[in-house]
Structure formats: C-alpha cells, structure tokens
Amino acid sequence: MAAKFFRPDNRLLPPLLITSILITAHLTFGILEAYERTAVAIVTAIVAELALGRITYGKWLHPASAYITGISVGILVRSPFLWPYFFAR
C-alpha cells in the first residue's frame, strides 16, 4: 500500500505537502487571514480549472495544481472582503 502511494507519479503528494506546511505555518505564525477566505480561494481555483479544462480539452483535469494555486492566493491576499479571494484566480 505504501509503495503504491509514494510512487513518483502520484499527484496527491504535492497538495498534501503544501497543506501540511500551510497548517503548520498557520498554527505557528498565523499566516492566514481566515480559513473561510482561503477556502473560497481554493474552491474558486478548483472550479475554474475543472470548468476551463472541460471546455478547452474536453476532459476533466486533475485539480492538484488548482488546489496549490488556491492555497497560494489564500496566503498572499490580505483583504477583509471575499471578492479578492474569488477573483484572484
């Protein structure tokens, strides 16, 4: 089981790594503005990637890169409003 999970082509390892770094950094230094705003950025990025991939390529793309983009937006954007997190993608 572990050999199958830790193979080099596994696309879930980078999102798991960045999530663990994000959680550790937030619990240690409080880097996120709010969980809800980061969640909006992540969901928006994933929905946009899935929709645009379906329109452009005719298939559903793997959302790992969109997830990482959403986390990055959640870290970098500082605003009391939700719309910057939604439109930053």
Protein backbone atom coordinates (compact mmCIF):
# COMPACT_ATOMS: atom_id res chain seq x y z
CA MET A 1 0.00 0.00 0.00
CA ALA A 2 2.73 2.49 0.95
CA ALA A 3 4.74 1.69 -2.19
CA LYS A 4 1.70 2.47 -4.34
CA PHE A 5 1.04 5.75 -2.52
CA PHE A 6 4.63 7.02 -2.62
CA ARG A 7 5.33 6.34 -6.27
CA PRO A 8 6.91 9.24 -8.25
CA ASP A 9 3.86 9.93 -10.45
CA ASN A 10 1.45 10.36 -7.54
CA ARG A 11 -0.25 13.73 -7.98
CA LEU A 12 -1.53 13.90 -4.42
CA LEU A 13 1.85 14.28 -2.71
CA PRO A 14 2.44 17.98 -3.55
CA PRO A 15 -1.01 19.06 -2.31
CA LEU A 16 -0.55 17.03 0.87
CA LEU A 17 2.87 18.57 1.45
CA ILE A 18 1.70 22.14 0.85
CA THR A 19 -1.34 21.54 3.08
CA SER A 20 0.83 20.29 5.92
CA ILE A 21 3.15 23.29 5.51
CA LEU A 22 0.14 25.64 5.47
CA ILE A 23 -1.40 24.16 8.61
CA THR A 24 1.92 24.20 10.47
CA ALA A 25 2.66 27.78 9.42
CA HIS A 26 -0.80 28.99 10.36
CA LEU A 27 -0.77 27.31 13.76
CA THR A 28 2.74 28.63 14.43
CA PHE A 29 2.67 32.11 12.88
CA GLY A 30 -0.98 32.76 11.97
CA ILE A 31 -0.29 33.43 8.28
CA LEU A 32 -3.88 33.08 7.04
CA GLU A 33 -6.38 35.92 7.13
CA ALA A 34 -9.21 33.42 7.77
CA TYR A 35 -10.00 29.80 6.95
CA GLU A 36 -13.16 30.81 5.08
CA ARG A 37 -11.31 33.16 2.75
CA THR A 38 -8.69 30.55 1.96
CA ALA A 39 -11.45 28.00 1.33
CA VAL A 40 -13.14 30.43 -1.10
CA ALA A 41 -9.82 30.83 -2.96
CA ILE A 42 -9.27 27.06 -3.13
CA VAL A 43 -12.82 26.23 -4.28
CA THR A 44 -12.79 29.02 -6.87
CA ALA A 45 -9.46 27.86 -8.28
CA ILE A 46 -10.60 24.23 -8.50
CA VAL A 47 -13.96 25.06 -10.09
CA ALA A 48 -12.29 27.36 -12.62
CA GLU A 49 -9.68 24.75 -13.53
CA LEU A 50 -12.25 21.98 -13.91
CA ALA A 51 -14.60 24.12 -15.99
CA LEU A 52 -11.91 25.58 -18.23
CA GLY A 53 -10.25 22.19 -18.67
CA ARG A 54 -13.55 20.66 -19.67
CA ILE A 55 -14.26 23.48 -22.13
CA THR A 56 -10.74 23.61 -23.56
CA TYR A 57 -9.66 19.96 -23.62
CA GLY A 58 -12.99 18.16 -23.38
CA LYS A 59 -11.96 16.25 -20.25
CA TRP A 60 -11.76 16.76 -16.52
CA LEU A 61 -8.31 17.83 -15.39
CA HIS A 62 -6.71 16.80 -12.11
CA PRO A 63 -7.25 19.69 -9.66
CA ALA A 64 -3.91 19.39 -7.82
CA SER A 65 -2.36 22.48 -9.40
CA ALA A 66 -5.55 24.49 -8.86
CA TYR A 67 -5.54 23.46 -5.20
CA ILE A 68 -1.99 24.72 -4.78
CA THR A 69 -2.92 27.96 -6.58
CA GLY A 70 -5.89 28.45 -4.24
CA ILE A 71 -3.68 27.95 -1.20
CA SER A 72 -1.19 30.47 -2.60
CA VAL A 73 -3.96 33.02 -3.13
CA GLY A 74 -5.19 32.39 0.41
CA ILE A 75 -1.72 33.10 1.78
CA LEU A 76 -0.85 36.10 -0.37
CA VAL A 77 -4.09 38.09 -0.49
CA ARG A 78 -4.86 40.24 2.55
CA SER A 79 -8.35 41.69 2.46
CA PRO A 80 -11.37 41.87 4.76
CA PHE A 81 -13.60 41.20 1.72
CA LEU A 82 -14.26 37.88 -0.02
CA TRP A 83 -14.26 39.13 -3.62
CA PRO A 84 -10.43 39.42 -3.94
CA TYR A 85 -10.11 35.75 -2.99
CA PHE A 86 -12.75 34.87 -5.57
CA PHE A 87 -11.27 36.90 -8.45
CA ALA A 88 -7.56 36.31 -7.76
CA ARG A 89 -7.57 33.10 -9.78
